[in-house]
Each structure stands twice: as C-alpha cells, then as structure tokens.
Amino acid sequence: MEKEDPYRISSEYLLLLRKTLTVQQTQKLVQDIKVWCRNEYGMPEYSKDERLYIKALAESFLNQLKPPTNG
C-alpha cells in the first residue's frame, strides 16, 4: 500500500495550476521553488526538523506539480 503524502495539496489546486500555467511558466515555478528551498534550507536559524520539513514540503509540491503520465 502506498504511503499517504502528508503534504499533499488539493487536486483542485493542482488542476487549476495545470490549466492556468504554460509549460514555460510551470518550469519557471519549479526553478523558483528549488531556489527558494535551497535558500531556506540553508538558513542557520532553522532547526534540523524545520529544514527537513521545508525540503519535504518542496519535494512533495514539485512531485505533485508534474502532470500525470499515461503508462
């Protein structure tokens, strides 16, 4: 059984993003999120748990943002 993603965003929000953003805009959003995550993850004032949370949240969102593939 697949483990449920605790950071899962609503399917309605994902669908809205996919319908609204062009491929280029989606790629830009992904790059911006990766930069944000790198910047935030490196901040010394965050605890290890907070850093892990930031990383997990960003990875989850990026994985969900990818459009589903058939087969």
N, C-alpha and C. Protein backbone atom coordinates (compact mmCIF):
# COMPACT_ATOMS: atom_id res chain seq x y z
N MET A 1 0.85 -1.19 0.00
CA MET A 1 0.00 0.00 0.00
C MET A 1 0.89 1.25 0.00
N GLU A 2 0.54 2.21 -0.82
CA GLU A 2 1.34 3.43 -0.96
C GLU A 2 1.14 4.33 0.26
N LYS A 3 2.25 4.88 0.75
CA LYS A 3 2.21 5.78 1.90
C LYS A 3 1.58 7.10 1.48
N GLU A 4 0.66 7.60 2.31
CA GLU A 4 0.00 8.87 2.00
C GLU A 4 0.95 10.03 2.24
N ASP A 5 0.93 10.98 1.32
CA ASP A 5 1.79 12.16 1.41
C ASP A 5 1.15 13.17 2.37
N PRO A 6 1.79 13.45 3.51
CA PRO A 6 1.19 14.38 4.47
C PRO A 6 1.14 15.82 3.97
N TYR A 7 1.87 16.12 2.91
CA TYR A 7 1.92 17.48 2.40
C TYR A 7 1.09 17.65 1.13
N ARG A 8 0.29 16.65 0.81
CA ARG A 8 -0.47 16.65 -0.44
C ARG A 8 -1.36 17.89 -0.54
N ILE A 9 -1.30 18.54 -1.71
CA ILE A 9 -2.17 19.69 -1.93
C ILE A 9 -3.42 19.23 -2.66
N SER A 10 -4.45 20.02 -2.62
CA SER A 10 -5.72 19.60 -3.18
C SER A 10 -5.64 19.41 -4.69
N SER A 11 -6.37 18.42 -5.18
CA SER A 11 -6.37 18.13 -6.61
C SER A 11 -6.97 19.30 -7.39
N GLU A 12 -7.88 20.04 -6.77
CA GLU A 12 -8.48 21.20 -7.44
C GLU A 12 -7.42 22.28 -7.69
N TYR A 13 -6.55 22.48 -6.72
CA TYR A 13 -5.48 23.47 -6.86
C TYR A 13 -4.49 23.03 -7.94
N LEU A 14 -4.12 21.76 -7.93
CA LEU A 14 -3.21 21.24 -8.96
C LEU A 14 -3.81 21.39 -10.35
N LEU A 15 -5.07 21.04 -10.48
CA LEU A 15 -5.75 21.15 -11.77
C LEU A 15 -5.77 22.60 -12.23
N LEU A 16 -6.04 23.51 -11.33
CA LEU A 16 -6.05 24.93 -11.66
C LEU A 16 -4.67 25.38 -12.14
N LEU A 17 -3.62 24.97 -11.44
CA LEU A 17 -2.26 25.32 -11.86
C LEU A 17 -1.96 24.77 -13.25
N ARG A 18 -2.32 23.52 -13.47
CA ARG A 18 -2.02 22.89 -14.77
C ARG A 18 -2.79 23.54 -15.91
N LYS A 19 -4.01 23.98 -15.62
CA LYS A 19 -4.82 24.63 -16.67
C LYS A 19 -4.37 26.06 -16.92
N THR A 20 -3.86 26.72 -15.89
CA THR A 20 -3.53 28.13 -15.96
C THR A 20 -2.13 28.40 -16.49
N LEU A 21 -1.17 27.61 -16.06
CA LEU A 21 0.22 27.87 -16.40
C LEU A 21 0.63 27.19 -17.71
N THR A 22 1.44 27.90 -18.48
CA THR A 22 2.03 27.30 -19.67
C THR A 22 3.18 26.40 -19.22
N VAL A 23 3.72 25.62 -20.13
CA VAL A 23 4.86 24.76 -19.81
C VAL A 23 6.02 25.60 -19.30
N GLN A 24 6.27 26.73 -19.96
CA GLN A 24 7.38 27.59 -19.56
C GLN A 24 7.14 28.18 -18.16
N GLN A 25 5.91 28.58 -17.88
CA GLN A 25 5.59 29.13 -16.56
C GLN A 25 5.74 28.06 -15.48
N THR A 26 5.34 26.84 -15.80
CA THR A 26 5.48 25.75 -14.85
C THR A 26 6.95 25.47 -14.57
N GLN A 27 7.77 25.47 -15.62
CA GLN A 27 9.21 25.26 -15.45
C GLN A 27 9.82 26.37 -14.60
N LYS A 28 9.40 27.60 -14.81
CA LYS A 28 9.89 28.73 -14.03
C LYS A 28 9.47 28.59 -12.56
N LEU A 29 8.24 28.18 -12.34
CA LEU A 29 7.76 27.96 -10.98
C LEU A 29 8.59 26.89 -10.28
N VAL A 30 8.87 25.81 -10.98
CA VAL A 30 9.68 24.73 -10.42
C VAL A 30 11.07 25.25 -10.05
N GLN A 31 11.68 26.02 -10.95
CA GLN A 31 13.01 26.58 -10.67
C GLN A 31 12.97 27.53 -9.47
N ASP A 32 11.95 28.37 -9.41
CA ASP A 32 11.81 29.30 -8.29
C ASP A 32 11.66 28.56 -6.96
N ILE A 33 10.88 27.49 -6.98
CA ILE A 33 10.68 26.70 -5.76
C ILE A 33 11.99 26.05 -5.33
N LYS A 34 12.74 25.53 -6.30
CA LYS A 34 14.03 24.89 -5.98
C LYS A 34 15.00 25.91 -5.38
N VAL A 35 15.05 27.11 -5.94
CA VAL A 35 15.92 28.16 -5.41
C VAL A 35 15.47 28.56 -4.01
N TRP A 36 14.17 28.75 -3.84
CA TRP A 36 13.63 29.10 -2.53
C TRP A 36 14.00 28.03 -1.50
N CYS A 37 13.82 26.78 -1.88
CA CYS A 37 14.10 25.68 -0.96
C CYS A 37 15.58 25.67 -0.58
N ARG A 38 16.45 25.83 -1.56
CA ARG A 38 17.90 25.87 -1.27
C ARG A 38 18.23 27.01 -0.33
N ASN A 39 17.65 28.18 -0.57
CA ASN A 39 17.90 29.34 0.28
C ASN A 39 17.38 29.12 1.70
N GLU A 40 16.15 28.63 1.80
CA GLU A 40 15.55 28.41 3.12
C GLU A 40 16.22 27.27 3.86
N TYR A 41 16.53 26.20 3.15
CA TYR A 41 17.12 25.02 3.77
C TYR A 41 18.48 25.34 4.39
N GLY A 42 19.17 26.30 3.82
CA GLY A 42 20.49 26.65 4.32
C GLY A 42 20.51 27.66 5.45
N MET A 43 19.36 28.18 5.83
CA MET A 43 19.32 29.21 6.87
C MET A 43 19.68 28.61 8.23
N PRO A 44 20.69 29.17 8.90
CA PRO A 44 21.16 28.59 10.16
C PRO A 44 20.16 28.71 11.31
N GLU A 45 19.23 29.65 11.21
CA GLU A 45 18.29 29.81 12.33
C GLU A 45 17.21 28.73 12.37
N TYR A 46 17.13 27.91 11.31
CA TYR A 46 16.16 26.82 11.31
C TYR A 46 16.76 25.59 11.97
N SER A 47 15.93 24.89 12.71
CA SER A 47 16.37 23.63 13.31
C SER A 47 16.43 22.56 12.22
N LYS A 48 17.03 21.44 12.56
CA LYS A 48 17.11 20.33 11.61
C LYS A 48 15.71 19.88 11.18
N ASP A 49 14.79 19.80 12.14
CA ASP A 49 13.42 19.39 11.82
C ASP A 49 12.74 20.38 10.88
N GLU A 50 12.96 21.67 11.10
CA GLU A 50 12.37 22.68 10.22
C GLU A 50 12.95 22.58 8.81
N ARG A 51 14.24 22.32 8.72
CA ARG A 51 14.87 22.16 7.40
C ARG A 51 14.31 20.94 6.68
N LEU A 52 14.16 19.85 7.41
CA LEU A 52 13.60 18.64 6.81
C LEU A 52 12.16 18.88 6.34
N TYR A 53 11.41 19.65 7.13
CA TYR A 53 10.04 19.99 6.74
C TYR A 53 10.02 20.81 5.46
N ILE A 54 10.87 21.82 5.37
CA ILE A 54 10.94 22.66 4.17
C ILE A 54 11.27 21.81 2.95
N LYS A 55 12.25 20.94 3.11
CA LYS A 55 12.68 20.09 2.00
C LYS A 55 11.55 19.14 1.58
N ALA A 56 10.91 18.50 2.55
CA ALA A 56 9.83 17.56 2.25
C ALA A 56 8.65 18.27 1.59
N LEU A 57 8.32 19.44 2.08
CA LEU A 57 7.21 20.20 1.52
C LEU A 57 7.48 20.59 0.07
N ALA A 58 8.67 21.09 -0.19
CA ALA A 58 9.03 21.49 -1.55
C ALA A 58 9.07 20.29 -2.49
N GLU A 59 9.67 19.18 -2.06
CA GLU A 59 9.74 17.99 -2.90
C GLU A 59 8.35 17.45 -3.20
N SER A 60 7.50 17.44 -2.20
CA SER A 60 6.14 16.96 -2.39
C SER A 60 5.40 17.82 -3.41
N PHE A 61 5.50 19.13 -3.26
CA PHE A 61 4.81 20.03 -4.18
C PHE A 61 5.33 19.85 -5.60
N LEU A 62 6.64 19.76 -5.77
CA LEU A 62 7.22 19.59 -7.10
C LEU A 62 6.79 18.27 -7.73
N ASN A 63 6.75 17.21 -6.94
CA ASN A 63 6.30 15.92 -7.46
C ASN A 63 4.84 15.97 -7.89
N GLN A 64 4.03 16.68 -7.14
CA GLN A 64 2.61 16.78 -7.47
C GLN A 64 2.36 17.70 -8.65
N LEU A 65 3.24 18.66 -8.85
CA LEU A 65 3.06 19.63 -9.92
C LEU A 65 3.26 19.01 -11.30
N LYS A 66 4.08 17.96 -11.36
CA LYS A 66 4.32 17.30 -12.64
C LYS A 66 3.00 16.73 -13.15
N PRO A 67 2.69 16.96 -14.42
CA PRO A 67 1.45 16.40 -14.95
C PRO A 67 1.52 14.88 -14.96
N PRO A 68 0.39 14.23 -14.75
CA PRO A 68 0.39 12.77 -14.76
C PRO A 68 0.72 12.23 -16.15
N THR A 69 1.41 11.12 -16.18
CA THR A 69 1.73 10.48 -17.46
C THR A 69 0.90 9.22 -17.61
N ASN A 70 0.51 8.94 -18.82
CA ASN A 70 -0.29 7.74 -19.09
C ASN A 70 0.64 6.61 -19.52
N GLY A 71 0.79 5.62 -18.62
CA GLY A 71 1.60 4.45 -18.93
C GLY A 71 2.99 4.75 -18.79
